[in-house]
């Protein structure tokens, strides 16, 4: 068993995963600017709007959405003023949602403004 700073390797890995912020999930050359725009789009909004933003981010290859997103949603709840549930977000993301391509394109346009 490998010990690092009085923690085992696995304890340290688990701690690092718990400490992930939403921006850690983003792949963008200017995360700070993107985060400012995302706060304008996500803060205090509904699950459908949040998932629409996530789909727009994924379409632009700024984030990868896997099949297990509990940690991502946890990071989003910490970063933004939202109360999404994992099940609710997954239903919109992976289910037969009513999110249209136009809604995703509109989010992309909004994120380019300023």
C-alpha atoms as a PDB file:
ATOM      1  CA  UNK A   1       0.000   0.000   0.000  1.00  0.00           C
ATOM      2  CA  UNK A   2       1.457   3.341  -1.088  1.00  0.00           C
ATOM      3  CA  UNK A   3       1.170   6.176   1.451  1.00  0.00           C
ATOM      4  CA  UNK A   4       1.315   9.822   0.331  1.00  0.00           C
ATOM      5  CA  UNK A   5       1.131  12.618   2.938  1.00  0.00           C
ATOM      6  CA  UNK A   6      -0.339  10.200   5.523  1.00  0.00           C
ATOM      7  CA  UNK A   7      -3.054   9.127   3.055  1.00  0.00           C
ATOM      8  CA  UNK A   8      -3.120   5.965   0.994  1.00  0.00           C
ATOM      9  CA  UNK A   9      -3.048   6.352  -2.762  1.00  0.00           C
ATOM     10  CA  UNK A  10      -6.743   5.465  -2.961  1.00  0.00           C
ATOM     11  CA  UNK A  11      -7.747   7.868  -0.178  1.00  0.00           C
ATOM     12  CA  UNK A  12      -5.865  10.681  -1.903  1.00  0.00           C
ATOM     13  CA  UNK A  13      -7.452   9.817  -5.284  1.00  0.00           C
ATOM     14  CA  UNK A  14     -10.935   9.789  -3.720  1.00  0.00           C
ATOM     15  CA  UNK A  15     -10.283  13.123  -2.015  1.00  0.00           C
ATOM     16  CA  UNK A  16      -9.139  14.701  -5.283  1.00  0.00           C
ATOM     17  CA  UNK A  17     -12.251  13.461  -7.076  1.00  0.00           C
ATOM     18  CA  UNK A  18     -14.488  14.969  -4.393  1.00  0.00           C
ATOM     19  CA  UNK A  19     -12.735  18.308  -4.753  1.00  0.00           C
ATOM     20  CA  UNK A  20     -13.337  18.659  -8.504  1.00  0.00           C
ATOM     21  CA  UNK A  21     -14.875  21.944  -9.520  1.00  0.00           C
ATOM     22  CA  UNK A  22     -17.100  22.410 -12.529  1.00  0.00           C
ATOM     23  CA  UNK A  23     -14.321  24.211 -14.393  1.00  0.00           C
ATOM     24  CA  UNK A  24     -12.150  21.091 -13.952  1.00  0.00           C
ATOM     25  CA  UNK A  25     -14.523  19.346 -16.366  1.00  0.00           C
ATOM     26  CA  UNK A  26     -14.155  22.002 -19.058  1.00  0.00           C
ATOM     27  CA  UNK A  27     -11.767  21.870 -21.993  1.00  0.00           C
ATOM     28  CA  UNK A  28     -11.452  25.462 -23.114  1.00  0.00           C
ATOM     29  CA  UNK A  29      -8.487  27.809 -23.632  1.00  0.00           C
ATOM     30  CA  UNK A  30     -10.072  30.526 -21.468  1.00  0.00           C
ATOM     31  CA  UNK A  31     -11.996  28.770 -18.708  1.00  0.00           C
ATOM     32  CA  UNK A  32     -12.338  31.934 -16.648  1.00  0.00           C
ATOM     33  CA  UNK A  33     -14.172  33.816 -19.413  1.00  0.00           C
ATOM     34  CA  UNK A  34     -16.301  30.775 -20.213  1.00  0.00           C
ATOM     35  CA  UNK A  35     -17.259  30.378 -16.547  1.00  0.00           C
ATOM     36  CA  UNK A  36     -18.456  34.005 -16.418  1.00  0.00           C
ATOM     37  CA  UNK A  37     -20.704  33.362 -19.415  1.00  0.00           C
ATOM     38  CA  UNK A  38     -21.911  30.067 -17.954  1.00  0.00           C
ATOM     39  CA  UNK A  39     -22.937  31.748 -14.719  1.00  0.00           C
ATOM     40  CA  UNK A  40     -25.115  34.080 -16.782  1.00  0.00           C
ATOM     41  CA  UNK A  41     -26.709  31.108 -18.522  1.00  0.00           C
ATOM     42  CA  UNK A  42     -27.012  28.642 -15.631  1.00  0.00           C
ATOM     43  CA  UNK A  43     -27.420  30.481 -12.310  1.00  0.00           C
ATOM     44  CA  UNK A  44     -30.924  30.106 -10.859  1.00  0.00           C
ATOM     45  CA  UNK A  45     -32.356  28.341 -13.901  1.00  0.00           C
ATOM     46  CA  UNK A  46     -34.367  25.183 -14.575  1.00  0.00           C
ATOM     47  CA  UNK A  47     -33.005  21.701 -15.250  1.00  0.00           C
ATOM     48  CA  UNK A  48     -33.981  21.819 -18.914  1.00  0.00           C
ATOM     49  CA  UNK A  49     -31.983  25.029 -19.441  1.00  0.00           C
ATOM     50  CA  UNK A  50     -29.001  23.586 -17.567  1.00  0.00           C
ATOM     51  CA  UNK A  51     -29.000  20.445 -19.699  1.00  0.00           C
ATOM     52  CA  UNK A  52     -29.372  22.557 -22.844  1.00  0.00           C
ATOM     53  CA  UNK A  53     -26.210  24.418 -21.836  1.00  0.00           C
ATOM     54  CA  UNK A  54     -24.427  21.106 -21.191  1.00  0.00           C
ATOM     55  CA  UNK A  55     -25.458  19.827 -24.618  1.00  0.00           C
ATOM     56  CA  UNK A  56     -24.192  23.045 -26.211  1.00  0.00           C
ATOM     57  CA  UNK A  57     -20.871  22.660 -24.360  1.00  0.00           C
ATOM     58  CA  UNK A  58     -20.591  19.080 -25.529  1.00  0.00           C
ATOM     59  CA  UNK A  59     -21.404  20.067 -29.130  1.00  0.00           C
ATOM     60  CA  UNK A  60     -18.495  22.526 -28.973  1.00  0.00           C
ATOM     61  CA  UNK A  61     -16.253  19.816 -27.411  1.00  0.00           C
ATOM     62  CA  UNK A  62     -15.837  21.933 -24.265  1.00  0.00           C
ATOM     63  CA  UNK A  63     -17.012  19.094 -22.009  1.00  0.00           C
ATOM     64  CA  UNK A  64     -17.457  15.333 -22.145  1.00  0.00           C
ATOM     65  CA  UNK A  65     -20.719  13.952 -20.826  1.00  0.00           C
ATOM     66  CA  UNK A  66     -20.458  10.302 -19.846  1.00  0.00           C
ATOM     67  CA  UNK A  67     -23.098   7.942 -18.566  1.00  0.00           C
ATOM     68  CA  UNK A  68     -22.242   8.468 -14.886  1.00  0.00           C
ATOM     69  CA  UNK A  69     -22.395  12.171 -14.112  1.00  0.00           C
ATOM     70  CA  UNK A  70     -23.048  12.330 -10.356  1.00  0.00           C
ATOM     71  CA  UNK A  71     -19.729  14.105  -9.674  1.00  0.00           C
ATOM     72  CA  UNK A  72     -20.319  16.558 -12.541  1.00  0.00           C
ATOM     73  CA  UNK A  73     -23.782  17.453 -11.251  1.00  0.00           C
ATOM     74  CA  UNK A  74     -22.399  17.764  -7.710  1.00  0.00           C
ATOM     75  CA  UNK A  75     -19.749  20.194  -8.974  1.00  0.00           C
ATOM     76  CA  UNK A  76     -22.451  22.147 -10.822  1.00  0.00           C
ATOM     77  CA  UNK A  77     -24.612  22.420  -7.689  1.00  0.00           C
ATOM     78  CA  UNK A  78     -21.591  23.790  -5.818  1.00  0.00           C
ATOM     79  CA  UNK A  79     -20.606  26.254  -8.574  1.00  0.00           C
ATOM     80  CA  UNK A  80     -24.009  27.550  -9.662  1.00  0.00           C
ATOM     81  CA  UNK A  81     -27.142  28.471  -7.717  1.00  0.00           C
ATOM     82  CA  UNK A  82     -29.100  25.433  -8.901  1.00  0.00           C
ATOM     83  CA  UNK A  83     -30.984  22.524  -7.385  1.00  0.00           C
ATOM     84  CA  UNK A  84     -30.859  19.891 -10.107  1.00  0.00           C
ATOM     85  CA  UNK A  85     -31.140  16.222  -9.282  1.00  0.00           C
ATOM     86  CA  UNK A  86     -28.994  13.633 -11.019  1.00  0.00           C
ATOM     87  CA  UNK A  87     -32.081  11.734 -12.200  1.00  0.00           C
ATOM     88  CA  UNK A  88     -33.781  14.857 -13.518  1.00  0.00           C
ATOM     89  CA  UNK A  89     -30.712  15.982 -15.440  1.00  0.00           C
ATOM     90  CA  UNK A  90     -30.107  12.504 -16.854  1.00  0.00           C
ATOM     91  CA  UNK A  91     -33.732  12.241 -17.997  1.00  0.00           C
ATOM     92  CA  UNK A  92     -33.335  15.450 -19.998  1.00  0.00           C
ATOM     93  CA  UNK A  93     -29.853  14.566 -21.225  1.00  0.00           C
ATOM     94  CA  UNK A  94     -30.294  10.934 -22.195  1.00  0.00           C
ATOM     95  CA  UNK A  95     -34.054  10.569 -22.444  1.00  0.00           C
ATOM     96  CA  UNK A  96     -36.416  11.626 -25.146  1.00  0.00           C
ATOM     97  CA  UNK A  97     -36.121  15.229 -24.092  1.00  0.00           C
ATOM     98  CA  UNK A  98     -37.843  18.174 -25.608  1.00  0.00           C
ATOM     99  CA  UNK A  99     -34.526  19.990 -26.113  1.00  0.00           C
ATOM    100  CA  UNK A 100     -34.233  20.971 -29.752  1.00  0.00           C
ATOM    101  CA  UNK A 101     -31.169  21.659 -31.855  1.00  0.00           C
ATOM    102  CA  UNK A 102     -32.368  25.278 -32.153  1.00  0.00           C
ATOM    103  CA  UNK A 103     -32.343  25.652 -28.368  1.00  0.00           C
ATOM    104  CA  UNK A 104     -28.779  24.355 -28.283  1.00  0.00           C
ATOM    105  CA  UNK A 105     -27.756  26.721 -31.098  1.00  0.00           C
ATOM    106  CA  UNK A 106     -29.370  29.651 -29.252  1.00  0.00           C
ATOM    107  CA  UNK A 107     -27.311  28.859 -26.148  1.00  0.00           C
ATOM    108  CA  UNK A 108     -24.152  28.786 -28.263  1.00  0.00           C
ATOM    109  CA  UNK A 109     -25.086  32.201 -29.734  1.00  0.00           C
ATOM    110  CA  UNK A 110     -25.775  33.635 -26.264  1.00  0.00           C
ATOM    111  CA  UNK A 111     -22.406  32.379 -25.025  1.00  0.00           C
ATOM    112  CA  UNK A 112     -20.639  34.234 -27.865  1.00  0.00           C
ATOM    113  CA  UNK A 113     -22.227  37.607 -26.987  1.00  0.00           C
ATOM    114  CA  UNK A 114     -20.407  40.280 -24.951  1.00  0.00           C
END
